[in-house]
Every structure is written in structure tokens, then in C-alpha cells.
Amino acid sequence: MKIPISKRTAAKEWLIFLGTLPFGCLFTYWIGYRGDFDNFWNNVFGLRDIETLILWATPYLAVNFLRITFGAIQLLLSPNDSN
């Protein structure tokens, strides 16, 4: 089963992902390594462990959670359709 995805939607998601990467880097540095730059650098910016990979993705996941939540609220507050 193919789900049609427009190029515009894919480009939008890609830009959101790229926009959150710097925040993921900072979040991993502050939370995962507690400001220890040498350890952060030696562990390839925190990309060696699954725990720090999750920290890299946390800002992107948070943005998506907020988008989904606000979308659901808008859907519930919109007038009912006859469908």
C-alpha cells in the first residue's frame, strides 16, 4: 500500500528536522555529557550510544508532539462537517 506524500510535505518535514538538529546537539551536550566537552568530542558528539542518540532526537520529537497536539485541538474546535 502506497501512501501519497507530496514533495512539499517531505521538504517541510526535512527542514523541521534540520532545524532541530542544533538544539539536539546542545541538549545532548548539556544533559548527556553535563558540559564535559572533551568526552562529548571523543564520543563523536554523543553519537556512539543509544541513550545520547535519543537525546539528539528529543527536540524533533517534542516539536512533533506539539504539532500533533495543537492539530488535534484545532480539529476538535473546528465546526463539525457532515462527513
C-alpha atoms as a PDB file:
ATOM      1  CA  MET A   1       0.000   0.000   0.000  1.00  0.00           C
ATOM      2  CA  LYS A   2       1.489   3.311  -1.084  1.00  0.00           C
ATOM      3  CA  ILE A   3       0.731   6.425   0.890  1.00  0.00           C
ATOM      4  CA  PRO A   4       0.949   9.518  -1.307  1.00  0.00           C
ATOM      5  CA  ILE A   5       3.276  12.136   0.165  1.00  0.00           C
ATOM      6  CA  SER A   6       3.829  15.399  -1.645  1.00  0.00           C
ATOM      7  CA  LYS A   7       7.308  16.762  -2.202  1.00  0.00           C
ATOM      8  CA  ARG A   8       6.266  19.904  -0.340  1.00  0.00           C
ATOM      9  CA  THR A   9       5.356  17.888   2.774  1.00  0.00           C
ATOM     10  CA  ALA A  10       8.614  15.925   2.632  1.00  0.00           C
ATOM     11  CA  ALA A  11      10.614  19.149   2.240  1.00  0.00           C
ATOM     12  CA  LYS A  12       8.785  20.744   5.180  1.00  0.00           C
ATOM     13  CA  GLU A  13       9.500  17.769   7.448  1.00  0.00           C
ATOM     14  CA  TRP A  14      13.146  17.706   6.352  1.00  0.00           C
ATOM     15  CA  LEU A  15      13.566  21.409   7.186  1.00  0.00           C
ATOM     16  CA  ILE A  16      11.948  20.928  10.592  1.00  0.00           C
ATOM     17  CA  PHE A  17      14.304  18.026  11.270  1.00  0.00           C
ATOM     18  CA  LEU A  18      17.361  20.027  10.183  1.00  0.00           C
ATOM     19  CA  GLY A  19      16.199  22.997  12.236  1.00  0.00           C
ATOM     20  CA  THR A  20      16.035  20.918  15.400  1.00  0.00           C
ATOM     21  CA  LEU A  21      19.456  19.273  14.992  1.00  0.00           C
ATOM     22  CA  PRO A  22      21.423  22.159  16.584  1.00  0.00           C
ATOM     23  CA  PHE A  23      19.081  22.017  19.570  1.00  0.00           C
ATOM     24  CA  GLY A  24      19.625  18.255  19.742  1.00  0.00           C
ATOM     25  CA  CYS A  25      23.371  18.806  19.791  1.00  0.00           C
ATOM     26  CA  LEU A  26      23.122  21.340  22.619  1.00  0.00           C
ATOM     27  CA  PHE A  27      20.634  19.183  24.523  1.00  0.00           C
ATOM     28  CA  THR A  28      22.948  16.167  24.270  1.00  0.00           C
ATOM     29  CA  TYR A  29      25.941  18.245  25.390  1.00  0.00           C
ATOM     30  CA  TRP A  30      24.165  19.766  28.407  1.00  0.00           C
ATOM     31  CA  ILE A  31      22.112  16.789  29.550  1.00  0.00           C
ATOM     32  CA  GLY A  32      24.057  13.758  28.328  1.00  0.00           C
ATOM     33  CA  TYR A  33      27.586  14.975  28.989  1.00  0.00           C
ATOM     34  CA  ARG A  34      26.931  17.659  31.612  1.00  0.00           C
ATOM     35  CA  GLY A  35      29.199  20.163  29.902  1.00  0.00           C
ATOM     36  CA  ASP A  36      32.213  17.839  29.528  1.00  0.00           C
ATOM     37  CA  PHE A  37      33.266  18.880  26.030  1.00  0.00           C
ATOM     38  CA  ASP A  38      36.285  16.545  25.794  1.00  0.00           C
ATOM     39  CA  ASN A  39      34.147  13.470  26.460  1.00  0.00           C
ATOM     40  CA  PHE A  40      31.442  14.808  24.114  1.00  0.00           C
ATOM     41  CA  TRP A  41      34.037  15.352  21.356  1.00  0.00           C
ATOM     42  CA  ASN A  42      35.694  11.955  21.859  1.00  0.00           C
ATOM     43  CA  ASN A  43      32.324  10.186  21.638  1.00  0.00           C
ATOM     44  CA  VAL A  44      31.687  11.704  18.180  1.00  0.00           C
ATOM     45  CA  PHE A  45      29.304  14.387  19.515  1.00  0.00           C
ATOM     46  CA  GLY A  46      27.366  11.811  21.503  1.00  0.00           C
ATOM     47  CA  LEU A  47      26.505   9.609  18.535  1.00  0.00           C
ATOM     48  CA  ARG A  48      28.005   6.391  19.934  1.00  0.00           C
ATOM     49  CA  ASP A  49      25.372   5.407  22.496  1.00  0.00           C
ATOM     50  CA  ILE A  50      21.643   4.816  22.069  1.00  0.00           C
ATOM     51  CA  GLU A  51      20.890   6.991  25.106  1.00  0.00           C
ATOM     52  CA  THR A  52      22.574  10.017  23.588  1.00  0.00           C
ATOM     53  CA  LEU A  53      21.027   9.328  20.179  1.00  0.00           C
ATOM     54  CA  ILE A  54      17.667   9.637  21.893  1.00  0.00           C
ATOM     55  CA  LEU A  55      18.798  12.976  23.328  1.00  0.00           C
ATOM     56  CA  TRP A  56      19.717  14.128  19.807  1.00  0.00           C
ATOM     57  CA  ALA A  57      16.162  13.308  18.646  1.00  0.00           C
ATOM     58  CA  THR A  58      14.353  14.761  21.669  1.00  0.00           C
ATOM     59  CA  PRO A  59      13.834  18.304  20.258  1.00  0.00           C
ATOM     60  CA  TYR A  60      12.446  16.910  16.987  1.00  0.00           C
ATOM     61  CA  LEU A  61      10.124  14.564  18.867  1.00  0.00           C
ATOM     62  CA  ALA A  62       8.995  17.428  21.138  1.00  0.00           C
ATOM     63  CA  VAL A  63       8.218  19.664  18.144  1.00  0.00           C
ATOM     64  CA  ASN A  64       6.224  16.866  16.508  1.00  0.00           C
ATOM     65  CA  PHE A  65       4.351  16.181  19.741  1.00  0.00           C
ATOM     66  CA  LEU A  66       3.382  19.858  19.958  1.00  0.00           C
ATOM     67  CA  ARG A  67       2.335  19.927  16.296  1.00  0.00           C
ATOM     68  CA  ILE A  68       0.156  16.847  16.746  1.00  0.00           C
ATOM     69  CA  THR A  69      -1.379  18.198  19.962  1.00  0.00           C
ATOM     70  CA  PHE A  70      -2.229  21.613  18.500  1.00  0.00           C
ATOM     71  CA  GLY A  71      -3.543  19.965  15.320  1.00  0.00           C
ATOM     72  CA  ALA A  72      -5.849  17.761  17.383  1.00  0.00           C
ATOM     73  CA  ILE A  73      -7.074  20.767  19.378  1.00  0.00           C
ATOM     74  CA  GLN A  74      -7.775  22.693  16.173  1.00  0.00           C
ATOM     75  CA  LEU A  75      -9.625  19.708  14.745  1.00  0.00           C
ATOM     76  CA  LEU A  76     -11.776  19.385  17.869  1.00  0.00           C
ATOM     77  CA  LEU A  77     -12.551  23.106  17.947  1.00  0.00           C
ATOM     78  CA  SER A  78     -13.452  23.337  14.264  1.00  0.00           C
ATOM     79  CA  PRO A  79     -17.117  23.177  13.241  1.00  0.00           C
ATOM     80  CA  ASN A  80     -18.384  19.658  12.582  1.00  0.00           C
ATOM     81  CA  ASP A  81     -18.580  18.514   8.976  1.00  0.00           C
ATOM     82  CA  SER A  82     -21.443  16.465   7.669  1.00  0.00           C
ATOM     83  CA  ASN A  83     -18.994  13.656   6.746  1.00  0.00           C
END
